[in-house]
Amino acid sequence: MNGHQVRSAGTENNARIKVNSGHIGWADLIFVMEKKHIRRLREKFGPMLNGDKKVICLDIPDEYTLMDEELIEILRSRVSEHIEIS
């Protein structure tokens, strides 16, 4: 969207794609849905998140299914508060 490259990964053990150090190193900005996701990232990747990495919690309950239309609209709204998207 609008020139931004995006990757998606989960913090749960059963996530289809689990967040890894490569994702953290690649990202300039990290969005999470819930505060527990920030805690998990800090537990696993704490040193990598220090410095210039910005982690933003969107305060969206992680209870939606993949590609849920309602979730997509909520994500667009919340993310657009932080970066320009079209």
PDB file of N, CA and C in Angstrom:
ATOM      1  N   MET A   1       0.831  -1.186   0.000  1.00  0.00           N
ATOM      2  CA  MET A   1       0.000   0.000   0.000  1.00  0.00           C
ATOM      3  C   MET A   1       0.871   1.243   0.000  1.00  0.00           C
ATOM      4  N   ASN A   2       0.639   2.098  -0.951  1.00  0.00           N
ATOM      5  CA  ASN A   2       1.293   3.395  -1.017  1.00  0.00           C
ATOM      6  C   ASN A   2       2.816   3.281  -0.872  1.00  0.00           C
ATOM      7  N   GLY A   3       3.403   2.258  -1.457  1.00  0.00           N
ATOM      8  CA  GLY A   3       4.847   2.098  -1.441  1.00  0.00           C
ATOM      9  C   GLY A   3       5.409   1.396  -0.218  1.00  0.00           C
ATOM     10  N   HIS A   4       4.565   1.006   0.708  1.00  0.00           N
ATOM     11  CA  HIS A   4       5.024   0.291   1.901  1.00  0.00           C
ATOM     12  C   HIS A   4       5.077  -1.200   1.616  1.00  0.00           C
ATOM     13  N   GLN A   5       6.130  -1.841   2.063  1.00  0.00           N
ATOM     14  CA  GLN A   5       6.222  -3.299   1.980  1.00  0.00           C
ATOM     15  C   GLN A   5       5.784  -3.860   3.320  1.00  0.00           C
ATOM     16  N   VAL A   6       4.987  -4.911   3.269  1.00  0.00           N
ATOM     17  CA  VAL A   6       4.389  -5.455   4.482  1.00  0.00           C
ATOM     18  C   VAL A   6       4.612  -6.952   4.553  1.00  0.00           C
ATOM     19  N   ARG A   7       4.880  -7.421   5.747  1.00  0.00           N
ATOM     20  CA  ARG A   7       4.944  -8.863   6.029  1.00  0.00           C
ATOM     21  C   ARG A   7       4.068  -9.125   7.237  1.00  0.00           C
ATOM     22  N   SER A   8       3.517 -10.301   7.292  1.00  0.00           N
ATOM     23  CA  SER A   8       2.664 -10.672   8.410  1.00  0.00           C
ATOM     24  C   SER A   8       3.200 -11.947   9.045  1.00  0.00           C
ATOM     25  N   ALA A   9       3.247 -11.946  10.375  1.00  0.00           N
ATOM     26  CA  ALA A   9       3.689 -13.128  11.115  1.00  0.00           C
ATOM     27  C   ALA A   9       3.056 -13.083  12.492  1.00  0.00           C
ATOM     28  N   GLY A  10       2.896 -14.246  13.091  1.00  0.00           N
ATOM     29  CA  GLY A  10       2.252 -14.335  14.393  1.00  0.00           C
ATOM     30  C   GLY A  10       3.214 -14.620  15.524  1.00  0.00           C
ATOM     31  N   THR A  11       2.728 -14.398  16.742  1.00  0.00           N
ATOM     32  CA  THR A  11       3.535 -14.666  17.931  1.00  0.00           C
ATOM     33  C   THR A  11       3.126 -15.960  18.622  1.00  0.00           C
ATOM     34  N   GLU A  12       2.022 -16.552  18.202  1.00  0.00           N
ATOM     35  CA  GLU A  12       1.552 -17.806  18.804  1.00  0.00           C
ATOM     36  C   GLU A  12       2.374 -18.985  18.281  1.00  0.00           C
ATOM     37  N   ASN A  13       2.512 -20.026  19.085  1.00  0.00           N
ATOM     38  CA  ASN A  13       3.247 -21.219  18.656  1.00  0.00           C
ATOM     39  C   ASN A  13       2.622 -21.884  17.443  1.00  0.00           C
ATOM     40  N   ASN A  14       1.294 -21.768  17.305  1.00  0.00           N
ATOM     41  CA  ASN A  14       0.613 -22.425  16.183  1.00  0.00           C
ATOM     42  C   ASN A  14       0.417 -21.494  14.992  1.00  0.00           C
ATOM     43  N   ALA A  15       1.075 -20.340  14.970  1.00  0.00           N
ATOM     44  CA  ALA A  15       0.950 -19.411  13.847  1.00  0.00           C
ATOM     45  C   ALA A  15       1.461 -20.067  12.575  1.00  0.00           C
ATOM     46  N   ARG A  16       0.769 -19.826  11.474  1.00  0.00           N
ATOM     47  CA  ARG A  16       1.186 -20.378  10.181  1.00  0.00           C
ATOM     48  C   ARG A  16       2.582 -19.873   9.828  1.00  0.00           C
ATOM     49  N   ILE A  17       2.809 -18.583  10.028  1.00  0.00           N
ATOM     50  CA  ILE A  17       4.139 -17.990   9.860  1.00  0.00           C
ATOM     51  C   ILE A  17       4.478 -17.327  11.189  1.00  0.00           C
ATOM     52  N   LYS A  18       5.520 -17.811  11.844  1.00  0.00           N
ATOM     53  CA  LYS A  18       5.934 -17.253  13.133  1.00  0.00           C
ATOM     54  C   LYS A  18       6.926 -16.123  12.917  1.00  0.00           C
ATOM     55  N   VAL A  19       6.770 -15.067  13.692  1.00  0.00           N
ATOM     56  CA  VAL A  19       7.718 -13.966  13.613  1.00  0.00           C
ATOM     57  C   VAL A  19       9.096 -14.472  14.024  1.00  0.00           C
ATOM     58  N   ASN A  20      10.108 -14.040  13.269  1.00  0.00           N
ATOM     59  CA  ASN A  20      11.476 -14.473  13.557  1.00  0.00           C
ATOM     60  C   ASN A  20      12.416 -13.268  13.510  1.00  0.00           C
ATOM     61  N   SER A  21      13.666 -13.494  13.809  1.00  0.00           N
ATOM     62  CA  SER A  21      14.629 -12.387  13.866  1.00  0.00           C
ATOM     63  C   SER A  21      14.790 -11.707  12.504  1.00  0.00           C
ATOM     64  N   GLY A  22      14.592 -12.459  11.439  1.00  0.00           N
ATOM     65  CA  GLY A  22      14.659 -11.854  10.103  1.00  0.00           C
ATOM     66  C   GLY A  22      13.565 -10.814   9.899  1.00  0.00           C
ATOM     67  N   HIS A  23      12.356 -11.122  10.366  1.00  0.00           N
ATOM     68  CA  HIS A  23      11.259 -10.156  10.275  1.00  0.00           C
ATOM     69  C   HIS A  23      11.587  -8.895  11.067  1.00  0.00           C
ATOM     70  N   ILE A  24      12.089  -9.089  12.284  1.00  0.00           N
ATOM     71  CA  ILE A  24      12.400  -7.949  13.149  1.00  0.00           C
ATOM     72  C   ILE A  24      13.498  -7.094  12.522  1.00  0.00           C
ATOM     73  N   GLY A  25      14.534  -7.730  12.021  1.00  0.00           N
ATOM     74  CA  GLY A  25      15.626  -6.992  11.398  1.00  0.00           C
ATOM     75  C   GLY A  25      15.189  -6.238  10.153  1.00  0.00           C
ATOM     76  N   TRP A  26      14.280  -6.808   9.389  1.00  0.00           N
ATOM     77  CA  TRP A  26      13.799  -6.213   8.143  1.00  0.00           C
ATOM     78  C   TRP A  26      12.902  -5.006   8.386  1.00  0.00           C
ATOM     79  N   ALA A  27      12.118  -5.032   9.451  1.00  0.00           N
ATOM     80  CA  ALA A  27      11.071  -4.029   9.678  1.00  0.00           C
ATOM     81  C   ALA A  27      11.619  -2.703  10.183  1.00  0.00           C
ATOM     82  N   ASP A  28      11.056  -1.632   9.653  1.00  0.00           N
ATOM     83  CA  ASP A  28      11.300  -0.299  10.191  1.00  0.00           C
ATOM     84  C   ASP A  28      10.270   0.025  11.271  1.00  0.00           C
ATOM     85  N   LEU A  29       9.082  -0.523  11.098  1.00  0.00           N
ATOM     86  CA  LEU A  29       7.951  -0.253  11.975  1.00  0.00           C
ATOM     87  C   LEU A  29       7.203  -1.561  12.158  1.00  0.00           C
ATOM     88  N   ILE A  30       6.842  -1.865  13.397  1.00  0.00           N
ATOM     89  CA  ILE A  30       6.165  -3.133  13.692  1.00  0.00           C
ATOM     90  C   ILE A  30       4.813  -2.826  14.328  1.00  0.00           C
ATOM     91  N   PHE A  31       3.748  -3.337  13.726  1.00  0.00           N
ATOM     92  CA  PHE A  31       2.408  -3.204  14.279  1.00  0.00           C
ATOM     93  C   PHE A  31       2.006  -4.529  14.897  1.00  0.00           C
ATOM     94  N   VAL A  32       1.402  -4.458  16.070  1.00  0.00           N
ATOM     95  CA  VAL A  32       0.840  -5.644  16.706  1.00  0.00           C
ATOM     96  C   VAL A  32      -0.618  -5.344  17.027  1.00  0.00           C
ATOM     97  N   MET A  33      -1.401  -6.407  17.176  1.00  0.00           N
ATOM     98  CA  MET A  33      -2.818  -6.217  17.445  1.00  0.00           C
ATOM     99  C   MET A  33      -3.097  -5.997  18.929  1.00  0.00           C
ATOM    100  N   GLU A  34      -2.402  -6.723  19.794  1.00  0.00           N
ATOM    101  CA  GLU A  34      -2.680  -6.663  21.231  1.00  0.00           C
ATOM    102  C   GLU A  34      -1.397  -6.438  22.018  1.00  0.00           C
ATOM    103  N   LYS A  35      -1.544  -5.947  23.251  1.00  0.00           N
ATOM    104  CA  LYS A  35      -0.391  -5.702  24.117  1.00  0.00           C
ATOM    105  C   LYS A  35       0.386  -6.978  24.411  1.00  0.00           C
ATOM    106  N   LYS A  36      -0.310  -8.122  24.478  1.00  0.00           N
ATOM    107  CA  LYS A  36       0.405  -9.374  24.741  1.00  0.00           C
ATOM    108  C   LYS A  36       1.395  -9.688  23.620  1.00  0.00           C
ATOM    109  N   HIS A  37       1.126  -9.210  22.417  1.00  0.00           N
ATOM    110  CA  HIS A  37       2.040  -9.437  21.303  1.00  0.00           C
ATOM    111  C   HIS A  37       3.328  -8.638  21.499  1.00  0.00           C
ATOM    112  N   ILE A  38       3.212  -7.424  22.028  1.00  0.00           N
ATOM    113  CA  ILE A  38       4.413  -6.636  22.334  1.00  0.00           C
ATOM    114  C   ILE A  38       5.243  -7.366  23.381  1.00  0.00           C
ATOM    115  N   ARG A  39       4.582  -7.871  24.411  1.00  0.00           N
ATOM    116  CA  ARG A  39       5.301  -8.583  25.479  1.00  0.00           C
ATOM    117  C   ARG A  39       6.046  -9.781  24.907  1.00  0.00           C
ATOM    118  N   ARG A  40       5.383 -10.556  24.057  1.00  0.00           N
ATOM    119  CA  ARG A  40       6.030 -11.735  23.461  1.00  0.00           C
ATOM    120  C   ARG A  40       7.225 -11.343  22.601  1.00  0.00           C
ATOM    121  N   LEU A  41       7.077 -10.275  21.830  1.00  0.00           N
ATOM    122  CA  LEU A  41       8.194  -9.814  20.995  1.00  0.00           C
ATOM    123  C   LEU A  41       9.360  -9.364  21.857  1.00  0.00           C
ATOM    124  N   ARG A  42       9.074  -8.638  22.923  1.00  0.00           N
ATOM    125  CA  ARG A  42      10.148  -8.157  23.804  1.00  0.00           C
ATOM    126  C   ARG A  42      10.841  -9.318  24.519  1.00  0.00           C
ATOM    127  N   GLU A  43      10.070 -10.342  24.901  1.00  0.00           N
ATOM    128  CA  GLU A  43      10.663 -11.512  25.551  1.00  0.00           C
ATOM    129  C   GLU A  43      11.617 -12.236  24.617  1.00  0.00           C
ATOM    130  N   LYS A  44      11.231 -12.363  23.369  1.00  0.00           N
ATOM    131  CA  LYS A  44      12.017 -13.160  22.423  1.00  0.00           C
ATOM    132  C   LYS A  44      13.079 -12.339  21.672  1.00  0.00           C
ATOM    133  N   PHE A  45      12.772 -11.083  21.388  1.00  0.00           N
ATOM    134  CA  PHE A  45      13.653 -10.281  20.533  1.00  0.00           C
ATOM    135  C   PHE A  45      14.053  -8.960  21.191  1.00  0.00           C
ATOM    136  N   GLY A  46      14.038  -8.901  22.513  1.00  0.00           N
ATOM    137  CA  GLY A  46      14.287  -7.668  23.247  1.00  0.00           C
ATOM    138  C   GLY A  46      15.428  -6.819  22.723  1.00  0.00           C
ATOM    139  N   PRO A  47      16.649  -7.361  22.633  1.00  0.00           N
ATOM    140  CA  PRO A  47      17.779  -6.545  22.172  1.00  0.00           C
ATOM    141  C   PRO A  47      17.588  -6.000  20.754  1.00  0.00           C
ATOM    142  N   MET A  48      16.915  -6.741  19.905  1.00  0.00           N
ATOM    143  CA  MET A  48      16.692  -6.294  18.532  1.00  0.00           C
ATOM    144  C   MET A  48      15.685  -5.143  18.469  1.00  0.00           C
ATOM    145  N   LEU A  49      14.828  -5.040  19.483  1.00  0.00           N
ATOM    146  CA  LEU A  49      13.797  -4.001  19.483  1.00  0.00           C
ATOM    147  C   LEU A  49      14.278  -2.699  20.111  1.00  0.00           C
ATOM    148  N   ASN A  50      15.441  -2.731  20.731  1.00  0.00           N
ATOM    149  CA  ASN A  50      15.999  -1.504  21.307  1.00  0.00           C
ATOM    150  C   ASN A  50      16.537  -0.630  20.184  1.00  0.00           C
ATOM    151  N   GLY A  51      16.505   0.640  20.395  1.00  0.00           N
ATOM    152  CA  GLY A  51      17.051   1.551  19.390  1.00  0.00           C
ATOM    153  C   GLY A  51      15.983   2.103  18.480  1.00  0.00           C
ATOM    154  N   ASP A  52      16.162   1.895  17.172  1.00  0.00           N
ATOM    155  CA  ASP A  52      15.300   2.565  16.199  1.00  0.00           C
ATOM    156  C   ASP A  52      14.043   1.786  15.814  1.00  0.00           C
ATOM    157  N   LYS A  53      13.804   0.636  16.398  1.00  0.00           N
ATOM    158  CA  LYS A  53      12.599  -0.145  16.075  1.00  0.00           C
ATOM    159  C   LYS A  53      11.413   0.412  16.850  1.00  0.00           C
ATOM    160  N   LYS A  54      10.359   0.741  16.138  1.00  0.00           N
ATOM    161  CA  LYS A  54       9.145   1.253  16.769  1.00  0.00           C
ATOM    162  C   LYS A  54       8.073   0.175  16.685  1.00  0.00           C
ATOM    163  N   VAL A  55       7.503  -0.182  17.846  1.00  0.00           N
ATOM    164  CA  VAL A  55       6.443  -1.182  17.912  1.00  0.00           C
ATOM    165  C   VAL A  55       5.167  -0.462  18.345  1.00  0.00           C
ATOM    166  N   ILE A  56       4.120  -0.609  17.547  1.00  0.00           N
ATOM    167  CA  ILE A  56       2.854   0.078  17.802  1.00  0.00           C
ATOM    168  C   ILE A  56       1.753  -0.954  18.015  1.00  0.00           C
ATOM    169  N   CYS A  57       1.048  -0.821  19.128  1.00  0.00           N
ATOM    170  CA  CYS A  57      -0.091  -1.695  19.415  1.00  0.00           C
ATOM    171  C   CYS A  57      -1.348  -1.036  18.862  1.00  0.00           C
ATOM    172  N   LEU A  58      -2.082  -1.762  18.029  1.00  0.00           N
ATOM    173  CA  LEU A  58      -3.301  -1.251  17.413  1.00  0.00           C
ATOM    174  C   LEU A  58      -4.547  -1.477  18.275  1.00  0.00           C
ATOM    175  N   ASP A  59      -4.402  -2.183  19.372  1.00  0.00           N
ATOM    176  CA  ASP A  59      -5.521  -2.483  20.289  1.00  0.00           C
ATOM    177  C   ASP A  59      -6.718  -3.082  19.560  1.00  0.00           C
ATOM    178  N   ILE A  60      -6.429  -4.151  18.825  1.00  0.00           N
ATOM    179  CA  ILE A  60      -7.462  -4.907  18.117  1.00  0.00           C
ATOM    180  C   ILE A  60      -7.471  -6.316  18.695  1.00  0.00           C
ATOM    181  N   PRO A  61      -8.609  -6.796  19.193  1.00  0.00           N
ATOM    182  CA  PRO A  61      -8.648  -8.162  19.715  1.00  0.00           C
ATOM    183  C   PRO A  61      -8.232  -9.172  18.638  1.00  0.00           C
ATOM    184  N   ASP A  62      -7.369 -10.087  19.000  1.00  0.00           N
ATOM    185  CA  ASP A  62      -6.875 -11.094  18.053  1.00  0.00           C
ATOM    186  C   ASP A  62      -7.856 -12.263  18.018  1.00  0.00           C
ATOM    187  N   GLU A  63      -9.037 -11.995  17.486  1.00  0.00           N
ATOM    188  CA  GLU A  63     -10.095 -13.010  17.460  1.00  0.00           C
ATOM    189  C   GLU A  63     -10.730 -13.153  16.079  1.00  0.00           C
ATOM    190  N   TYR A  64     -10.107 -12.574  15.081  1.00  0.00           N
ATOM    191  CA  TYR A  64     -10.648 -12.617  13.728  1.00  0.00           C
ATOM    192  C   TYR A  64     -10.016 -13.756  12.940  1.00  0.00           C
ATOM    193  N   THR A  65     -10.713 -14.193  11.907  1.00  0.00           N
ATOM    194  CA  THR A  65     -10.158 -15.203  11.013  1.00  0.00           C
ATOM    195  C   THR A  65      -9.333 -14.511   9.928  1.00  0.00           C
ATOM    196  N   LEU A  66      -8.494 -15.280   9.284  1.00  0.00           N
ATOM    197  CA  LEU A  66      -7.639 -14.775   8.217  1.00  0.00           C
ATOM    198  C   LEU A  66      -8.472 -14.100   7.142  1.00  0.00           C
ATOM    199  N   MET A  67      -8.082 -12.886   6.767  1.00  0.00           N
ATOM    200  CA  MET A  67      -8.708 -12.106   5.702  1.00  0.00           C
ATOM    201  C   MET A  67     -10.160 -11.723   5.992  1.00  0.00           C
ATOM    202  N   ASP A  68     -10.550 -11.674   7.255  1.00  0.00           N
ATOM    203  CA  ASP A  68     -11.880 -11.226   7.650  1.00  0.00           C
ATOM    204  C   ASP A  68     -12.055  -9.773   7.194  1.00  0.00           C
ATOM    205  N   GLU A  69     -13.132  -9.490   6.469  1.00  0.00           N
ATOM    206  CA  GLU A  69     -13.354  -8.152   5.914  1.00  0.00           C
ATOM    207  C   GLU A  69     -13.436  -7.079   6.998  1.00  0.00           C
ATOM    208  N   GLU A  70     -14.067  -7.387   8.115  1.00  0.00           N
ATOM    209  CA  GLU A  70     -14.159  -6.428   9.212  1.00  0.00           C
ATOM    210  C   GLU A  70     -12.765  -6.104   9.765  1.00  0.00           C
ATOM    211  N   LEU A  71     -11.948  -7.136   9.932  1.00  0.00           N
ATOM    212  CA  LEU A  71     -10.591  -6.943  10.415  1.00  0.00           C
ATOM    213  C   LEU A  71      -9.789  -6.075   9.452  1.00  0.00           C
ATOM    214  N   ILE A  72      -9.916  -6.318   8.170  1.00  0.00           N
ATOM    215  CA  ILE A  72      -9.182  -5.546   7.167  1.00  0.00           C
ATOM    216  C   ILE A  72      -9.532  -4.066   7.268  1.00  0.00           C
ATOM    217  N   GLU A  73     -10.808  -3.755   7.433  1.00  0.00           N
ATOM    218  CA  GLU A  73     -11.231  -2.360   7.567  1.00  0.00           C
ATOM    219  C   GLU A  73     -10.695  -1.738   8.856  1.00  0.00           C
ATOM    220  N   ILE A  74     -10.723  -2.487   9.953  1.00  0.00           N
ATOM    221  CA  ILE A  74     -10.191  -1.979  11.217  1.00  0.00           C
ATOM    222  C   ILE A  74      -8.687  -1.733  11.088  1.00  0.00           C
ATOM    223  N   LEU A  75      -7.979  -2.667  10.480  1.00  0.00           N
ATOM    224  CA  LEU A  75      -6.536  -2.507  10.281  1.00  0.00           C
ATOM    225  C   LEU A  75      -6.228  -1.272   9.449  1.00  0.00           C
ATOM    226  N   ARG A  76      -6.954  -1.083   8.352  1.00  0.00           N
ATOM    227  CA  ARG A  76      -6.729   0.107   7.513  1.00  0.00           C
ATOM    228  C   ARG A  76      -6.917   1.388   8.324  1.00  0.00           C
ATOM    229  N   SER A  77      -7.967   1.418   9.112  1.00  0.00           N
ATOM    230  CA  SER A  77      -8.258   2.600   9.911  1.00  0.00           C
ATOM    231  C   SER A  77      -7.166   2.858  10.950  1.00  0.00           C
ATOM    232  N   ARG A  78      -6.792   1.838  11.690  1.00  0.00           N
ATOM    233  CA  ARG A  78      -5.819   2.018  12.774  1.00  0.00           C
ATOM    234  C   ARG A  78      -4.407   2.285  12.248  1.00  0.00           C
ATOM    235  N   VAL A  79      -4.024   1.576  11.194  1.00  0.00           N
ATOM    236  CA  VAL A  79      -2.681   1.774  10.629  1.00  0.00           C
ATOM    237  C   VAL A  79      -2.567   3.164  10.005  1.00  0.00           C
ATOM    238  N   SER A  80      -3.645   3.644   9.390  1.00  0.00           N
ATOM    239  CA  SER A  80      -3.594   4.964   8.738  1.00  0.00           C
ATOM    240  C   SER A  80      -3.390   6.093   9.745  1.00  0.00           C
ATOM    241  N   GLU A  81      -3.568   5.840  11.019  1.00  0.00           N
ATOM    242  CA  GLU A  81      -3.282   6.833  12.051  1.00  0.00           C
ATOM    243  C   GLU A  81      -1.763   7.030  12.210  1.00  0.00           C
ATOM    244  N   HIS A  82      -0.989   6.060  11.696  1.00  0.00           N
ATOM    245  CA  HIS A  82       0.466   6.078  11.901  1.00  0.00           C
ATOM    246  C   HIS A  82       1.262   6.248  10.618  1.00  0.00           C
ATOM    247  N   ILE A  83       0.734   5.768   9.508  1.00  0.00           N
ATOM    248  CA  ILE A  83       1.402   5.923   8.217  1.00  0.00           C
ATOM    249  C   ILE A  83       0.343   6.239   7.158  1.00  0.00           C
ATOM    250  N   GLU A  84       0.788   6.830   6.070  1.00  0.00           N
ATOM    251  CA  GLU A  84      -0.136   7.137   4.988  1.00  0.00           C
ATOM    252  C   GLU A  84      -0.365   5.898   4.139  1.00  0.00           C
ATOM    253  N   ILE A  85      -1.629   5.510   4.013  1.00  0.00           N
ATOM    254  CA  ILE A  85      -1.987   4.383   3.159  1.00  0.00           C
ATOM    255  C   ILE A  85      -3.091   4.848   2.222  1.00  0.00           C
ATOM    256  N   SER A  86      -3.235   4.139   1.110  1.00  0.00           N
ATOM    257  CA  SER A  86      -4.304   4.526   0.172  1.00  0.00           C
ATOM    258  C   SER A  86      -5.251   3.385  -0.038  1.00  0.00           C
TER     259      SER A  86
END
